[in-house]
Protein backbone atom coordinates (compact mmCIF):
# COMPACT_ATOMS: atom_id res chain seq x y z
CA MET A 1 144.00 27.69 -22.22
CA ALA A 2 142.82 25.14 -25.14
CA ARG A 3 139.41 24.48 -26.06
CA VAL A 4 137.75 21.22 -26.79
CA SER A 5 134.65 20.86 -28.93
CA LEU A 6 132.59 18.43 -30.94
CA TYR A 7 131.14 18.93 -34.48
CA LEU A 8 129.51 17.21 -37.11
CA ASP A 9 131.79 17.15 -40.14
CA VAL A 10 128.97 17.22 -43.22
CA ARG A 11 131.63 17.67 -45.90
CA THR A 12 131.81 14.06 -46.68
CA ALA A 13 129.67 11.10 -45.92
CA ASN A 14 130.83 7.35 -45.60
CA LYS A 15 129.29 4.66 -48.06
CA ASN A 16 126.37 4.45 -45.85
CA GLY A 17 125.55 8.16 -45.97
CA LEU A 18 126.40 8.92 -42.32
CA TYR A 19 128.72 11.83 -41.41
CA PRO A 20 131.58 11.76 -39.02
CA ILE A 21 131.59 13.46 -35.40
CA LYS A 22 134.88 14.99 -34.78
CA LEU A 23 136.78 16.51 -31.80
CA ARG A 24 138.30 19.62 -32.26
CA ILE A 25 141.19 21.32 -30.07
CA THR A 26 141.72 24.88 -30.61
CA HIS A 27 144.88 26.38 -28.90
CA SER A 28 147.18 29.27 -29.54
CA ASN A 29 145.99 30.07 -33.06
CA THR A 30 146.18 26.56 -34.06
CA ASN A 31 143.40 23.91 -34.30
CA ALA A 32 143.39 20.12 -35.01
CA SER A 33 140.52 17.73 -35.22
CA ARG A 34 140.18 13.83 -35.36
CA SER A 35 137.22 11.54 -36.03
CA ILE A 36 136.01 9.86 -33.01
CA GLY A 37 134.60 6.93 -34.86
CA LEU A 38 130.86 7.82 -34.46
CA TYR A 39 128.94 8.34 -37.54
CA ILE A 40 125.21 9.63 -37.75
CA MET A 41 123.03 11.60 -39.96
CA PRO A 42 122.58 15.39 -39.79
CA ASN A 43 119.31 15.57 -38.39
CA GLN A 44 120.50 13.43 -35.30
CA TRP A 45 122.96 16.10 -34.24
CA ASP A 46 122.32 19.14 -32.03
CA GLU A 47 124.97 21.91 -32.88
CA ASP A 48 124.03 24.12 -29.90
CA TYR A 49 124.79 21.32 -27.25
CA GLN A 50 127.21 19.30 -29.52
CA ARG A 51 125.57 16.22 -28.66
CA LEU A 52 122.93 13.82 -30.45
CA ASN A 53 119.42 14.65 -30.31
CA LYS A 54 116.59 12.48 -29.55
CA LYS A 55 116.15 11.32 -33.11
CA ALA A 56 119.36 9.22 -32.75
CA PRO A 57 118.29 5.66 -31.86
CA THR A 58 121.47 5.28 -29.39
CA GLN A 59 121.40 8.77 -28.00
CA LYS A 60 121.83 8.02 -24.35
CA GLU A 61 124.73 5.75 -24.89
CA ASP A 62 126.44 7.73 -27.78
CA ASN A 63 126.14 10.98 -25.47
CA GLU A 64 127.71 9.33 -22.73
CA ARG A 65 130.60 8.27 -24.93
CA LEU A 66 130.97 11.81 -26.19
CA GLU A 67 131.03 13.06 -22.38
CA ASN A 68 133.82 10.75 -21.71
CA ILE A 69 135.88 11.68 -24.74
CA ILE A 70 135.46 15.20 -23.74
CA TYR A 71 136.46 14.62 -20.15
CA LYS A 72 139.47 12.83 -21.36
CA TYR A 73 140.63 15.67 -23.26
CA ARG A 74 139.97 18.31 -20.48
CA CYS A 75 141.94 16.27 -18.00
CA GLY A 76 144.76 16.00 -20.54
CA ILE A 77 144.82 19.75 -21.12
CA GLN A 78 144.60 20.46 -17.29
CA LYS A 79 147.45 18.10 -16.60
CA LEU A 80 149.69 19.74 -19.39
CA ASP A 81 148.75 23.22 -17.89
CA SER A 82 149.62 22.45 -14.45
CA SER A 83 152.97 21.13 -15.56
CA TYR A 84 153.63 24.27 -17.44
CA ARG A 85 153.90 22.33 -20.84
CA LEU A 86 150.72 23.53 -22.60
CA ALA A 87 152.00 27.12 -23.42
CA SER A 88 154.45 25.93 -25.96
CA MET A 89 152.36 23.22 -27.65
CA LYS A 90 150.12 23.22 -30.76
CA ALA A 91 146.60 21.73 -30.88
CA ALA A 92 147.82 18.83 -32.90
CA ASP A 93 150.41 17.96 -30.15
CA ILE A 94 147.53 18.14 -27.50
CA ILE A 95 145.64 15.51 -29.52
CA GLU A 96 148.64 13.42 -29.77
CA TYR A 97 149.51 13.70 -25.98
CA VAL A 98 146.01 12.72 -24.97
CA GLU A 99 145.77 9.83 -27.46
CA ASN A 100 149.26 8.26 -26.55
CA GLY A 101 148.52 8.42 -22.85
CA GLY A 102 150.70 11.48 -21.99
CA PHE A 103 153.43 11.07 -24.45
CA ILE A 104 154.33 12.94 -27.56
CA LYS A 105 155.82 10.24 -29.98
CA SER A 106 156.70 12.84 -32.87
CA GLU A 107 160.33 13.54 -33.68
CA ASN A 108 159.66 17.15 -33.14
CA LEU A 109 159.63 17.16 -29.33
CA TYR A 110 159.70 20.51 -27.60
CA PHE A 111 162.28 21.30 -24.90
CA ASN A 112 159.85 21.00 -22.14
CA THR A 113 158.79 17.47 -23.27
CA ARG A 114 162.27 16.35 -23.58
CA ILE A 115 163.27 17.55 -20.16
CA GLN A 116 160.10 16.04 -18.50
CA GLU A 117 161.12 12.64 -19.96
CA TYR A 118 164.56 12.94 -18.69
CA ALA A 119 163.45 13.85 -15.40
CA ASP A 120 161.10 10.94 -15.13
CA GLN A 121 164.01 8.77 -15.67
CA CYS A 122 166.23 10.27 -12.83
CA ARG A 123 166.71 7.90 -10.21
CA LYS A 124 167.49 10.60 -7.53
CA ASP A 125 164.54 12.69 -6.40
CA THR A 126 166.90 15.76 -5.97
CA TYR A 127 168.01 15.59 -9.65
CA LYS A 128 164.49 15.14 -11.02
CA LYS A 129 163.32 18.09 -8.93
CA SER A 130 166.24 19.99 -10.32
CA PHE A 131 165.20 19.42 -14.00
CA LEU A 132 161.63 20.05 -13.41
CA TYR A 133 162.54 23.61 -11.72
CA THR A 134 164.74 24.23 -14.65
CA GLU A 135 161.78 23.34 -16.90
CA ARG A 136 159.42 25.58 -14.95
CA THR A 137 161.86 28.47 -15.12
CA VAL A 138 162.29 28.18 -18.89
CA MET A 139 158.67 27.96 -19.50
CA ASP A 140 157.93 31.05 -17.26
CA PHE A 141 160.47 32.84 -19.22
CA VAL A 142 158.90 31.83 -22.47
CA ARG A 143 155.47 32.78 -21.44
CA THR A 144 156.59 36.21 -20.22
CA THR A 145 158.50 37.05 -23.45
CA ALA A 146 156.02 35.42 -26.11
CA PRO A 147 154.02 37.90 -28.13
CA ASN A 148 150.46 37.73 -27.19
């Protein structure tokens, strides 16, 4: 299962001397991160709880925003897992999926993403179910034969 976490990237500060809070996804020996657009001083970050501490002037509002971001990504991961698509994805694909509202727009679409999109376009429900069954069967095979 993919992991979602937040961290303060203290490698480079912006022109105001503030550092970005970044979201990190770790999955299947890959990780990817992106800035969430929130910049703070290092003394305002609680690394253990991955939240702003009381030294941050807008702690309550910003922590609520962080909770919403984490929730959005966990829901996306759960949706991918329940549709058997998570197993074949990399961390960067998960970020792209969540950011694009459930679509991966890169040219490197995986088999299960392509068949899912095709199934969504089927007019007859029986065709759609058939394609989704095929996708699940292939993904089950991939999971059972993939090296741990």
